[in-house]
Amino acid sequence: MPMPRVRFTVRTMMVLVAVVAILLGGMILRQRAASYRQRAAQFGWVATGLRQSAASGNAAFVHPTPTGPGTPMTRAMSLRWAEYYAGLRAKYEHAALYPWLPVEPDPPEPE
């Protein structure tokens, strides 16, 4: 019994390339969204911890910049850093919802 011949036309190859491109693009966007969600969660945890630290007056956190390693944060510093990380959390939550849009660079750290 002879084997049936399969004809690969230019149209068929173009459709195959388009399907593969769509699948790969979807996988990349899904991976990017997962990465953004993870970053948003991390920033959310830090912001929550800083707010709790400021509310309780606990100086458990140290200044995160190289200019003041080991220096306990004041209440005002904790609140500034909490707002900074809350803003980053919101930014990356938005980026996770729309992973095909460009993401602006992170704002400068508070002083």
PDB file of N, CA and C in Angstrom:
ATOM      1  N   MET A   1       0.840  -1.174   0.000  1.00  0.00           N
ATOM      2  CA  MET A   1       0.000   0.000   0.000  1.00  0.00           C
ATOM      3  C   MET A   1       0.889   1.242   0.000  1.00  0.00           C
ATOM      4  N   PRO A   2       0.754   2.106  -0.975  1.00  0.00           N
ATOM      5  CA  PRO A   2       1.624   3.280  -1.053  1.00  0.00           C
ATOM      6  C   PRO A   2       1.268   4.302   0.043  1.00  0.00           C
ATOM      7  N   MET A   3       2.300   5.014   0.512  1.00  0.00           N
ATOM      8  CA  MET A   3       2.128   6.046   1.542  1.00  0.00           C
ATOM      9  C   MET A   3       1.522   7.294   0.895  1.00  0.00           C
ATOM     10  N   PRO A   4       0.548   7.894   1.554  1.00  0.00           N
ATOM     11  CA  PRO A   4      -0.012   9.130   0.987  1.00  0.00           C
ATOM     12  C   PRO A   4       1.010  10.259   1.087  1.00  0.00           C
ATOM     13  N   ARG A   5       1.051  11.060   0.091  1.00  0.00           N
ATOM     14  CA  ARG A   5       1.981  12.197   0.079  1.00  0.00           C
ATOM     15  C   ARG A   5       1.350  13.372   0.789  1.00  0.00           C
ATOM     16  N   VAL A   6       2.154  14.021   1.588  1.00  0.00           N
ATOM     17  CA  VAL A   6       1.701  15.218   2.289  1.00  0.00           C
ATOM     18  C   VAL A   6       2.305  16.408   1.581  1.00  0.00           C
ATOM     19  N   ARG A   7       1.461  17.346   1.212  1.00  0.00           N
ATOM     20  CA  ARG A   7       1.946  18.525   0.515  1.00  0.00           C
ATOM     21  C   ARG A   7       2.071  19.674   1.498  1.00  0.00           C
ATOM     22  N   PHE A   8       3.269  20.191   1.616  1.00  0.00           N
ATOM     23  CA  PHE A   8       3.514  21.362   2.431  1.00  0.00           C
ATOM     24  C   PHE A   8       3.579  22.569   1.507  1.00  0.00           C
ATOM     25  N   THR A   9       2.529  23.314   1.528  1.00  0.00           N
ATOM     26  CA  THR A   9       2.502  24.512   0.709  1.00  0.00           C
ATOM     27  C   THR A   9       3.037  25.680   1.540  1.00  0.00           C
ATOM     28  N   VAL A  10       3.272  26.769   0.870  1.00  0.00           N
ATOM     29  CA  VAL A  10       3.738  27.973   1.562  1.00  0.00           C
ATOM     30  C   VAL A  10       2.676  28.423   2.571  1.00  0.00           C
ATOM     31  N   ARG A  11       1.427  28.325   2.208  1.00  0.00           N
ATOM     32  CA  ARG A  11       0.344  28.714   3.107  1.00  0.00           C
ATOM     33  C   ARG A  11       0.353  27.846   4.371  1.00  0.00           C
ATOM     34  N   THR A  12       0.530  26.543   4.216  1.00  0.00           N
ATOM     35  CA  THR A  12       0.566  25.643   5.366  1.00  0.00           C
ATOM     36  C   THR A  12       1.732  25.986   6.283  1.00  0.00           C
ATOM     37  N   MET A  13       2.881  26.235   5.709  1.00  0.00           N
ATOM     38  CA  MET A  13       4.054  26.574   6.516  1.00  0.00           C
ATOM     39  C   MET A  13       3.850  27.910   7.245  1.00  0.00           C
ATOM     40  N   MET A  14       3.220  28.868   6.588  1.00  0.00           N
ATOM     41  CA  MET A  14       2.960  30.161   7.230  1.00  0.00           C
ATOM     42  C   MET A  14       2.006  29.999   8.412  1.00  0.00           C
ATOM     43  N   VAL A  15       1.004  29.169   8.257  1.00  0.00           N
ATOM     44  CA  VAL A  15       0.058  28.917   9.348  1.00  0.00           C
ATOM     45  C   VAL A  15       0.780  28.232  10.511  1.00  0.00           C
ATOM     46  N   LEU A  16       1.622  27.262  10.220  1.00  0.00           N
ATOM     47  CA  LEU A  16       2.369  26.572  11.272  1.00  0.00           C
ATOM     48  C   LEU A  16       3.294  27.534  12.026  1.00  0.00           C
ATOM     49  N   VAL A  17       3.983  28.380  11.304  1.00  0.00           N
ATOM     50  CA  VAL A  17       4.864  29.361  11.930  1.00  0.00           C
ATOM     51  C   VAL A  17       4.054  30.318  12.810  1.00  0.00           C
ATOM     52  N   ALA A  18       2.898  30.748  12.338  1.00  0.00           N
ATOM     53  CA  ALA A  18       2.057  31.657  13.121  1.00  0.00           C
ATOM     54  C   ALA A  18       1.564  30.989  14.399  1.00  0.00           C
ATOM     55  N   VAL A  19       1.158  29.742  14.316  1.00  0.00           N
ATOM     56  CA  VAL A  19       0.679  29.020  15.506  1.00  0.00           C
ATOM     57  C   VAL A  19       1.805  28.864  16.518  1.00  0.00           C
ATOM     58  N   VAL A  20       2.977  28.497  16.075  1.00  0.00           N
ATOM     59  CA  VAL A  20       4.113  28.345  16.988  1.00  0.00           C
ATOM     60  C   VAL A  20       4.468  29.687  17.621  1.00  0.00           C
ATOM     61  N   ALA A  21       4.443  30.745  16.839  1.00  0.00           N
ATOM     62  CA  ALA A  21       4.759  32.076  17.372  1.00  0.00           C
ATOM     63  C   ALA A  21       3.742  32.503  18.433  1.00  0.00           C
ATOM     64  N   ILE A  22       2.483  32.245  18.196  1.00  0.00           N
ATOM     65  CA  ILE A  22       1.444  32.595  19.171  1.00  0.00           C
ATOM     66  C   ILE A  22       1.635  31.793  20.457  1.00  0.00           C
ATOM     67  N   LEU A  23       1.909  30.516  20.334  1.00  0.00           N
ATOM     68  CA  LEU A  23       2.121  29.685  21.523  1.00  0.00           C
ATOM     69  C   LEU A  23       3.346  30.149  22.319  1.00  0.00           C
ATOM     70  N   LEU A  24       4.443  30.417  21.628  1.00  0.00           N
ATOM     71  CA  LEU A  24       5.647  30.880  22.327  1.00  0.00           C
ATOM     72  C   LEU A  24       5.430  32.252  22.960  1.00  0.00           C
ATOM     73  N   GLY A  25       4.759  33.142  22.261  1.00  0.00           N
ATOM     74  CA  GLY A  25       4.464  34.460  22.821  1.00  0.00           C
ATOM     75  C   GLY A  25       3.598  34.360  24.066  1.00  0.00           C
ATOM     76  N   GLY A  26       2.608  33.486  24.030  1.00  0.00           N
ATOM     77  CA  GLY A  26       1.757  33.277  25.200  1.00  0.00           C
ATOM     78  C   GLY A  26       2.527  32.739  26.384  1.00  0.00           C
ATOM     79  N   MET A  27       3.448  31.825  26.125  1.00  0.00           N
ATOM     80  CA  MET A  27       4.268  31.277  27.211  1.00  0.00           C
ATOM     81  C   MET A  27       5.164  32.353  27.818  1.00  0.00           C
ATOM     82  N   ILE A  28       5.733  33.196  26.978  1.00  0.00           N
ATOM     83  CA  ILE A  28       6.600  34.270  27.474  1.00  0.00           C
ATOM     84  C   ILE A  28       5.799  35.255  28.318  1.00  0.00           C
ATOM     85  N   LEU A  29       4.610  35.643  27.856  1.00  0.00           N
ATOM     86  CA  LEU A  29       3.778  36.577  28.612  1.00  0.00           C
ATOM     87  C   LEU A  29       3.335  35.970  29.946  1.00  0.00           C
ATOM     88  N   ARG A  30       3.023  34.699  29.935  1.00  0.00           N
ATOM     89  CA  ARG A  30       2.618  34.020  31.178  1.00  0.00           C
ATOM     90  C   ARG A  30       3.760  33.990  32.185  1.00  0.00           C
ATOM     91  N   GLN A  31       4.970  33.687  31.717  1.00  0.00           N
ATOM     92  CA  GLN A  31       6.133  33.662  32.593  1.00  0.00           C
ATOM     93  C   GLN A  31       6.440  35.061  33.128  1.00  0.00           C
ATOM     94  N   ARG A  32       6.328  36.069  32.280  1.00  0.00           N
ATOM     95  CA  ARG A  32       6.584  37.447  32.698  1.00  0.00           C
ATOM     96  C   ARG A  32       5.560  37.882  33.752  1.00  0.00           C
ATOM     97  N   ALA A  33       4.295  37.534  33.553  1.00  0.00           N
ATOM     98  CA  ALA A  33       3.253  37.887  34.514  1.00  0.00           C
ATOM     99  C   ALA A  33       3.507  37.209  35.862  1.00  0.00           C
ATOM    100  N   ALA A  34       3.941  35.961  35.846  1.00  0.00           N
ATOM    101  CA  ALA A  34       4.238  35.254  37.097  1.00  0.00           C
ATOM    102  C   ALA A  34       5.400  35.927  37.831  1.00  0.00           C
ATOM    103  N   SER A  35       6.399  36.364  37.088  1.00  0.00           N
ATOM    104  CA  SER A  35       7.539  37.056  37.694  1.00  0.00           C
ATOM    105  C   SER A  35       7.101  38.373  38.329  1.00  0.00           C
ATOM    106  N   TYR A  36       6.249  39.118  37.639  1.00  0.00           N
ATOM    107  CA  TYR A  36       5.750  40.387  38.178  1.00  0.00           C
ATOM    108  C   TYR A  36       4.895  40.148  39.420  1.00  0.00           C
ATOM    109  N   ARG A  37       4.067  39.099  39.401  1.00  0.00           N
ATOM    110  CA  ARG A  37       3.251  38.789  40.580  1.00  0.00           C
ATOM    111  C   ARG A  37       4.119  38.452  41.783  1.00  0.00           C
ATOM    112  N   GLN A  38       5.202  37.719  41.542  1.00  0.00           N
ATOM    113  CA  GLN A  38       6.116  37.363  42.629  1.00  0.00           C
ATOM    114  C   GLN A  38       6.776  38.614  43.208  1.00  0.00           C
ATOM    115  N   ARG A  39       7.221  39.508  42.350  1.00  0.00           N
ATOM    116  CA  ARG A  39       7.832  40.749  42.837  1.00  0.00           C
ATOM    117  C   ARG A  39       6.832  41.597  43.610  1.00  0.00           C
ATOM    118  N   ALA A  40       5.594  41.669  43.124  1.00  0.00           N
ATOM    119  CA  ALA A  40       4.556  42.440  43.820  1.00  0.00           C
ATOM    120  C   ALA A  40       4.316  41.864  45.213  1.00  0.00           C
ATOM    121  N   ALA A  41       4.288  40.547  45.324  1.00  0.00           N
ATOM    122  CA  ALA A  41       4.078  39.915  46.633  1.00  0.00           C
ATOM    123  C   ALA A  41       5.236  40.222  47.584  1.00  0.00           C
ATOM    124  N   GLN A  42       6.458  40.164  47.078  1.00  0.00           N
ATOM    125  CA  GLN A  42       7.616  40.467  47.923  1.00  0.00           C
ATOM    126  C   GLN A  42       7.572  41.911  48.414  1.00  0.00           C
ATOM    127  N   PHE A  43       7.278  42.840  47.523  1.00  0.00           N
ATOM    128  CA  PHE A  43       7.209  44.244  47.933  1.00  0.00           C
ATOM    129  C   PHE A  43       6.058  44.465  48.905  1.00  0.00           C
ATOM    130  N   GLY A  44       4.966  43.742  48.727  1.00  0.00           N
ATOM    131  CA  GLY A  44       3.838  43.856  49.637  1.00  0.00           C
ATOM    132  C   GLY A  44       4.198  43.404  51.047  1.00  0.00           C
ATOM    133  N   TRP A  45       4.949  42.304  51.145  1.00  0.00           N
ATOM    134  CA  TRP A  45       5.376  41.814  52.457  1.00  0.00           C
ATOM    135  C   TRP A  45       6.288  42.824  53.143  1.00  0.00           C
ATOM    136  N   VAL A  46       7.199  43.403  52.411  1.00  0.00           N
ATOM    137  CA  VAL A  46       8.123  44.379  53.001  1.00  0.00           C
ATOM    138  C   VAL A  46       7.357  45.615  53.463  1.00  0.00           C
ATOM    139  N   ALA A  47       6.442  46.103  52.636  1.00  0.00           N
ATOM    140  CA  ALA A  47       5.663  47.290  53.007  1.00  0.00           C
ATOM    141  C   ALA A  47       4.835  47.027  54.256  1.00  0.00           C
ATOM    142  N   THR A  48       4.221  45.849  54.344  1.00  0.00           N
ATOM    143  CA  THR A  48       3.425  45.503  55.517  1.00  0.00           C
ATOM    144  C   THR A  48       4.300  45.442  56.769  1.00  0.00           C
ATOM    145  N   GLY A  49       5.464  44.827  56.646  1.00  0.00           N
ATOM    146  CA  GLY A  49       6.376  44.741  57.789  1.00  0.00           C
ATOM    147  C   GLY A  49       6.845  46.104  58.254  1.00  0.00           C
ATOM    148  N   LEU A  50       7.142  46.979  57.320  1.00  0.00           N
ATOM    149  CA  LEU A  50       7.584  48.329  57.685  1.00  0.00           C
ATOM    150  C   LEU A  50       6.464  49.118  58.362  1.00  0.00           C
ATOM    151  N   ARG A  51       5.232  48.966  57.850  1.00  0.00           N
ATOM    152  CA  ARG A  51       4.098  49.668  58.482  1.00  0.00           C
ATOM    153  C   ARG A  51       3.868  49.170  59.904  1.00  0.00           C
ATOM    154  N   GLN A  52       3.955  47.850  60.086  1.00  0.00           N
ATOM    155  CA  GLN A  52       3.772  47.293  61.427  1.00  0.00           C
ATOM    156  C   GLN A  52       4.884  47.745  62.356  1.00  0.00           C
ATOM    157  N   SER A  53       6.095  47.823  61.819  1.00  0.00           N
ATOM    158  CA  SER A  53       7.225  48.285  62.622  1.00  0.00           C
ATOM    159  C   SER A  53       7.026  49.729  63.048  1.00  0.00           C
ATOM    160  N   ALA A  54       6.564  50.566  62.131  1.00  0.00           N
ATOM    161  CA  ALA A  54       6.338  51.976  62.458  1.00  0.00           C
ATOM    162  C   ALA A  54       5.197  52.132  63.457  1.00  0.00           C
ATOM    163  N   ALA A  55       4.153  51.325  63.305  1.00  0.00           N
ATOM    164  CA  ALA A  55       2.999  51.428  64.197  1.00  0.00           C
ATOM    165  C   ALA A  55       3.347  50.996  65.620  1.00  0.00           C
ATOM    166  N   SER A  56       4.191  49.987  65.749  1.00  0.00           N
ATOM    167  CA  SER A  56       4.524  49.482  67.075  1.00  0.00           C
ATOM    168  C   SER A  56       5.704  50.221  67.703  1.00  0.00           C
ATOM    169  N   GLY A  57       6.386  51.039  66.907  1.00  0.00           N
ATOM    170  CA  GLY A  57       7.566  51.730  67.428  1.00  0.00           C
ATOM    171  C   GLY A  57       8.770  50.816  67.531  1.00  0.00           C
ATOM    172  N   ASN A  58       8.681  49.638  66.951  1.00  0.00           N
ATOM    173  CA  ASN A  58       9.766  48.657  66.981  1.00  0.00           C
ATOM    174  C   ASN A  58      10.813  49.025  65.931  1.00  0.00           C
ATOM    175  N   ALA A  59      12.056  49.052  66.316  1.00  0.00           N
ATOM    176  CA  ALA A  59      13.149  49.387  65.389  1.00  0.00           C
ATOM    177  C   ALA A  59      13.814  48.117  64.881  1.00  0.00           C
ATOM    178  N   ALA A  60      13.000  47.160  64.463  1.00  0.00           N
ATOM    179  CA  ALA A  60      13.548  45.885  64.013  1.00  0.00           C
ATOM    180  C   ALA A  60      14.202  45.994  62.649  1.00  0.00           C
ATOM    181  N   PHE A  61      13.755  46.936  61.836  1.00  0.00           N
ATOM    182  CA  PHE A  61      14.313  47.082  60.505  1.00  0.00           C
ATOM    183  C   PHE A  61      15.511  48.022  60.550  1.00  0.00           C
ATOM    184  N   VAL A  62      16.474  47.739  59.708  1.00  0.00           N
ATOM    185  CA  VAL A  62      17.639  48.612  59.602  1.00  0.00           C
ATOM    186  C   VAL A  62      17.578  49.327  58.267  1.00  0.00           C
ATOM    187  N   HIS A  63      18.254  50.450  58.201  1.00  0.00           N
ATOM    188  CA  HIS A  63      18.256  51.255  56.987  1.00  0.00           C
ATOM    189  C   HIS A  63      18.787  50.415  55.832  1.00  0.00           C
ATOM    190  N   PRO A  64      18.020  50.266  54.734  1.00  0.00           N
ATOM    191  CA  PRO A  64      18.411  49.347  53.664  1.00  0.00           C
ATOM    192  C   PRO A  64      19.418  49.887  52.656  1.00  0.00           C
ATOM    193  N   THR A  65      19.833  51.131  52.785  1.00  0.00           N
ATOM    194  CA  THR A  65      20.780  51.661  51.815  1.00  0.00           C
ATOM    195  C   THR A  65      22.203  51.504  52.336  1.00  0.00           C
ATOM    196  N   PRO A  66      23.170  51.508  51.455  1.00  0.00           N
ATOM    197  CA  PRO A  66      24.560  51.336  51.881  1.00  0.00           C
ATOM    198  C   PRO A  66      25.063  52.487  52.753  1.00  0.00           C
ATOM    199  N   THR A  67      24.397  53.634  52.718  1.00  0.00           N
ATOM    200  CA  THR A  67      24.879  54.772  53.502  1.00  0.00           C
ATOM    201  C   THR A  67      24.606  54.607  54.993  1.00  0.00           C
ATOM    202  N   GLY A  68      23.706  53.716  55.353  1.00  0.00           N
ATOM    203  CA  GLY A  68      23.400  53.563  56.769  1.00  0.00           C
ATOM    204  C   GLY A  68      23.182  52.131  57.199  1.00  0.00           C
ATOM    205  N   PRO A  69      24.124  51.221  56.915  1.00  0.00           N
ATOM    206  CA  PRO A  69      23.894  49.831  57.307  1.00  0.00           C
ATOM    207  C   PRO A  69      23.893  49.692  58.831  1.00  0.00           C
ATOM    208  N   GLY A  70      22.935  48.945  59.319  1.00  0.00           N
ATOM    209  CA  GLY A  70      22.861  48.683  60.740  1.00  0.00           C
ATOM    210  C   GLY A  70      22.207  49.798  61.535  1.00  0.00           C
ATOM    211  N   THR A  71      21.792  50.869  60.899  1.00  0.00           N
ATOM    212  CA  THR A  71      21.164  51.972  61.592  1.00  0.00           C
ATOM    213  C   THR A  71      19.666  51.692  61.691  1.00  0.00           C
ATOM    214  N   PRO A  72      19.102  51.655  62.911  1.00  0.00           N
ATOM    215  CA  PRO A  72      17.659  51.422  63.017  1.00  0.00           C
ATOM    216  C   PRO A  72      16.875  52.552  62.349  1.00  0.00           C
ATOM    217  N   MET A  73      15.761  52.194  61.763  1.00  0.00           N
ATOM    218  CA  MET A  73      14.919  53.170  61.089  1.00  0.00           C
ATOM    219  C   MET A  73      14.067  53.916  62.113  1.00  0.00           C
ATOM    220  N   THR A  74      13.875  55.178  61.850  1.00  0.00           N
ATOM    221  CA  THR A  74      12.929  55.947  62.648  1.00  0.00           C
ATOM    222  C   THR A  74      11.521  55.647  62.135  1.00  0.00           C
ATOM    223  N   ARG A  75      10.525  56.093  62.874  1.00  0.00           N
ATOM    224  CA  ARG A  75       9.143  55.877  62.456  1.00  0.00           C
ATOM    225  C   ARG A  75       8.883  56.546  61.108  1.00  0.00           C
ATOM    226  N   ALA A  76       9.372  57.759  60.939  1.00  0.00           N
ATOM    227  CA  ALA A  76       9.169  58.481  59.676  1.00  0.00           C
ATOM    228  C   ALA A  76       9.849  57.758  58.519  1.00  0.00           C
ATOM    229  N   MET A  77      11.057  57.256  58.752  1.00  0.00           N
ATOM    230  CA  MET A  77      11.761  56.511  57.697  1.00  0.00           C
ATOM    231  C   MET A  77      10.989  55.245  57.336  1.00  0.00           C
ATOM    232  N   SER A  78      10.491  54.547  58.339  1.00  0.00           N
ATOM    233  CA  SER A  78       9.733  53.321  58.085  1.00  0.00           C
ATOM    234  C   SER A  78       8.505  53.613  57.239  1.00  0.00           C
ATOM    235  N   LEU A  79       7.822  54.711  57.555  1.00  0.00           N
ATOM    236  CA  LEU A  79       6.624  55.053  56.781  1.00  0.00           C
ATOM    237  C   LEU A  79       6.973  55.442  55.344  1.00  0.00           C
ATOM    238  N   ARG A  80       8.077  56.185  55.150  1.00  0.00           N
ATOM    239  CA  ARG A  80       8.500  56.541  53.782  1.00  0.00           C
ATOM    240  C   ARG A  80       8.839  55.295  52.973  1.00  0.00           C
ATOM    241  N   TRP A  81       9.596  54.387  53.592  1.00  0.00           N
ATOM    242  CA  TRP A  81       9.971  53.161  52.890  1.00  0.00           C
ATOM    243  C   TRP A  81       8.748  52.273  52.660  1.00  0.00           C
ATOM    244  N   ALA A  82       7.801  52.255  53.598  1.00  0.00           N
ATOM    245  CA  ALA A  82       6.579  51.464  53.410  1.00  0.00           C
ATOM    246  C   ALA A  82       5.798  51.988  52.208  1.00  0.00           C
ATOM    247  N   GLU A  83       5.691  53.310  52.079  1.00  0.00           N
ATOM    248  CA  GLU A  83       5.000  53.897  50.924  1.00  0.00           C
ATOM    249  C   GLU A  83       5.740  53.574  49.622  1.00  0.00           C
ATOM    250  N   TYR A  84       7.050  53.613  49.678  1.00  0.00           N
ATOM    251  CA  TYR A  84       7.859  53.298  48.493  1.00  0.00           C
ATOM    252  C   TYR A  84       7.582  51.860  48.027  1.00  0.00           C
ATOM    253  N   TYR A  85       7.620  50.918  48.970  1.00  0.00           N
ATOM    254  CA  TYR A  85       7.396  49.517  48.613  1.00  0.00           C
ATOM    255  C   TYR A  85       5.940  49.248  48.242  1.00  0.00           C
ATOM    256  N   ALA A  86       5.009  49.972  48.846  1.00  0.00           N
ATOM    257  CA  ALA A  86       3.605  49.826  48.459  1.00  0.00           C
ATOM    258  C   ALA A  86       3.403  50.308  47.018  1.00  0.00           C
ATOM    259  N   GLY A  87       4.091  51.377  46.659  1.00  0.00           N
ATOM    260  CA  GLY A  87       4.022  51.856  45.283  1.00  0.00           C
ATOM    261  C   GLY A  87       4.608  50.855  44.297  1.00  0.00           C
ATOM    262  N   LEU A  88       5.718  50.223  44.682  1.00  0.00           N
ATOM    263  CA  LEU A  88       6.308  49.199  43.821  1.00  0.00           C
ATOM    264  C   LEU A  88       5.375  47.997  43.695  1.00  0.00           C
ATOM    265  N   ARG A  89       4.729  47.632  44.813  1.00  0.00           N
ATOM    266  CA  ARG A  89       3.783  46.522  44.754  1.00  0.00           C
ATOM    267  C   ARG A  89       2.665  46.829  43.763  1.00  0.00           C
ATOM    268  N   ALA A  90       2.093  48.025  43.838  1.00  0.00           N
ATOM    269  CA  ALA A  90       1.015  48.401  42.924  1.00  0.00           C
ATOM    270  C   ALA A  90       1.500  48.406  41.472  1.00  0.00           C
ATOM    271  N   LYS A  91       2.701  48.896  41.267  1.00  0.00           N
ATOM    272  CA  LYS A  91       3.270  48.948  39.911  1.00  0.00           C
ATOM    273  C   LYS A  91       3.401  47.542  39.328  1.00  0.00           C
ATOM    274  N   TYR A  92       3.918  46.596  40.121  1.00  0.00           N
ATOM    275  CA  TYR A  92       4.130  45.244  39.598  1.00  0.00           C
ATOM    276  C   TYR A  92       2.836  44.433  39.536  1.00  0.00           C
ATOM    277  N   GLU A  93       1.838  44.772  40.365  1.00  0.00           N
ATOM    278  CA  GLU A  93       0.527  44.134  40.206  1.00  0.00           C
ATOM    279  C   GLU A  93      -0.093  44.553  38.874  1.00  0.00           C
ATOM    280  N   HIS A  94       0.040  45.829  38.526  1.00  0.00           N
ATOM    281  CA  HIS A  94      -0.463  46.307  37.234  1.00  0.00           C
ATOM    282  C   HIS A  94       0.304  45.634  36.092  1.00  0.00           C
ATOM    283  N   ALA A  95       1.609  45.514  36.255  1.00  0.00           N
ATOM    284  CA  ALA A  95       2.429  44.880  35.206  1.00  0.00           C
ATOM    285  C   ALA A  95       2.055  43.407  35.042  1.00  0.00           C
ATOM    286  N   ALA A  96       1.672  42.741  36.127  1.00  0.00           N
ATOM    287  CA  ALA A  96       1.270  41.331  36.040  1.00  0.00           C
ATOM    288  C   ALA A  96      -0.047  41.181  35.283  1.00  0.00           C
ATOM    289  N   LEU A  97      -0.924  42.170  35.409  1.00  0.00           N
ATOM    290  CA  LEU A  97      -2.192  42.121  34.680  1.00  0.00           C
ATOM    291  C   LEU A  97      -2.015  42.411  33.193  1.00  0.00           C
ATOM    292  N   TYR A  98      -1.031  43.230  32.863  1.00  0.00           N
ATOM    293  CA  TYR A  98      -0.782  43.629  31.471  1.00  0.00           C
ATOM    294  C   TYR A  98       0.695  43.382  31.123  1.00  0.00           C
ATOM    295  N   PRO A  99       1.121  42.112  31.039  1.00  0.00           N
ATOM    296  CA  PRO A  99       2.548  41.828  30.844  1.00  0.00           C
ATOM    297  C   PRO A  99       3.085  42.222  29.481  1.00  0.00           C
ATOM    298  N   TRP A 100       2.237  42.549  28.535  1.00  0.00           N
ATOM    299  CA  TRP A 100       2.706  42.954  27.208  1.00  0.00           C
ATOM    300  C   TRP A 100       3.070  44.435  27.150  1.00  0.00           C
ATOM    301  N   LEU A 101       2.696  45.196  28.169  1.00  0.00           N
ATOM    302  CA  LEU A 101       3.039  46.618  28.200  1.00  0.00           C
ATOM    303  C   LEU A 101       4.432  46.815  28.791  1.00  0.00           C
ATOM    304  N   PRO A 102       5.126  47.873  28.388  1.00  0.00           N
ATOM    305  CA  PRO A 102       6.442  48.130  28.988  1.00  0.00           C
ATOM    306  C   PRO A 102       6.293  48.555  30.448  1.00  0.00           C
ATOM    307  N   VAL A 103       7.324  48.269  31.240  1.00  0.00           N
ATOM    308  CA  VAL A 103       7.328  48.626  32.657  1.00  0.00           C
ATOM    309  C   VAL A 103       8.369  49.722  32.860  1.00  0.00           C
ATOM    310  N   GLU A 104       7.936  50.813  33.473  1.00  0.00           N
ATOM    311  CA  GLU A 104       8.831  51.918  33.746  1.00  0.00           C
ATOM    312  C   GLU A 104       9.895  51.493  34.769  1.00  0.00           C
ATOM    313  N   PRO A 105      11.057  52.126  34.760  1.00  0.00           N
ATOM    314  CA  PRO A 105      12.063  51.821  35.793  1.00  0.00           C
ATOM    315  C   PRO A 105      11.527  52.173  37.175  1.00  0.00           C
ATOM    316  N   ASP A 106      12.048  51.505  38.183  1.00  0.00           N
ATOM    317  CA  ASP A 106      11.637  51.778  39.560  1.00  0.00           C
ATOM    318  C   ASP A 106      12.035  53.204  39.928  1.00  0.00           C
ATOM    319  N   PRO A 107      11.191  53.866  40.740  1.00  0.00           N
ATOM    320  CA  PRO A 107      11.543  55.226  41.163  1.00  0.00           C
ATOM    321  C   PRO A 107      12.749  55.188  42.099  1.00  0.00           C
ATOM    322  N   PRO A 108      13.396  56.322  42.296  1.00  0.00           N
ATOM    323  CA  PRO A 108      14.552  56.334  43.204  1.00  0.00           C
ATOM    324  C   PRO A 108      14.111  56.034  44.637  1.00  0.00           C
ATOM    325  N   GLU A 109      15.023  55.433  45.385  1.00  0.00           N
ATOM    326  CA  GLU A 109      14.712  55.074  46.772  1.00  0.00           C
ATOM    327  C   GLU A 109      14.586  56.333  47.623  1.00  0.00           C
ATOM    328  N   PRO A 110      13.724  56.284  48.650  1.00  0.00           N
ATOM    329  CA  PRO A 110      13.596  57.451  49.521  1.00  0.00           C
ATOM    330  C   PRO A 110      14.862  57.653  50.341  1.00  0.00           C
ATOM    331  N   GLU A 111      15.003  58.851  50.831  1.00  0.00           N
ATOM    332  CA  GLU A 111      16.207  59.158  51.630  1.00  0.00           C
ATOM    333  C   GLU A 111      15.934  59.041  53.085  1.00  0.00           C
TER     334      GLU A 111
END
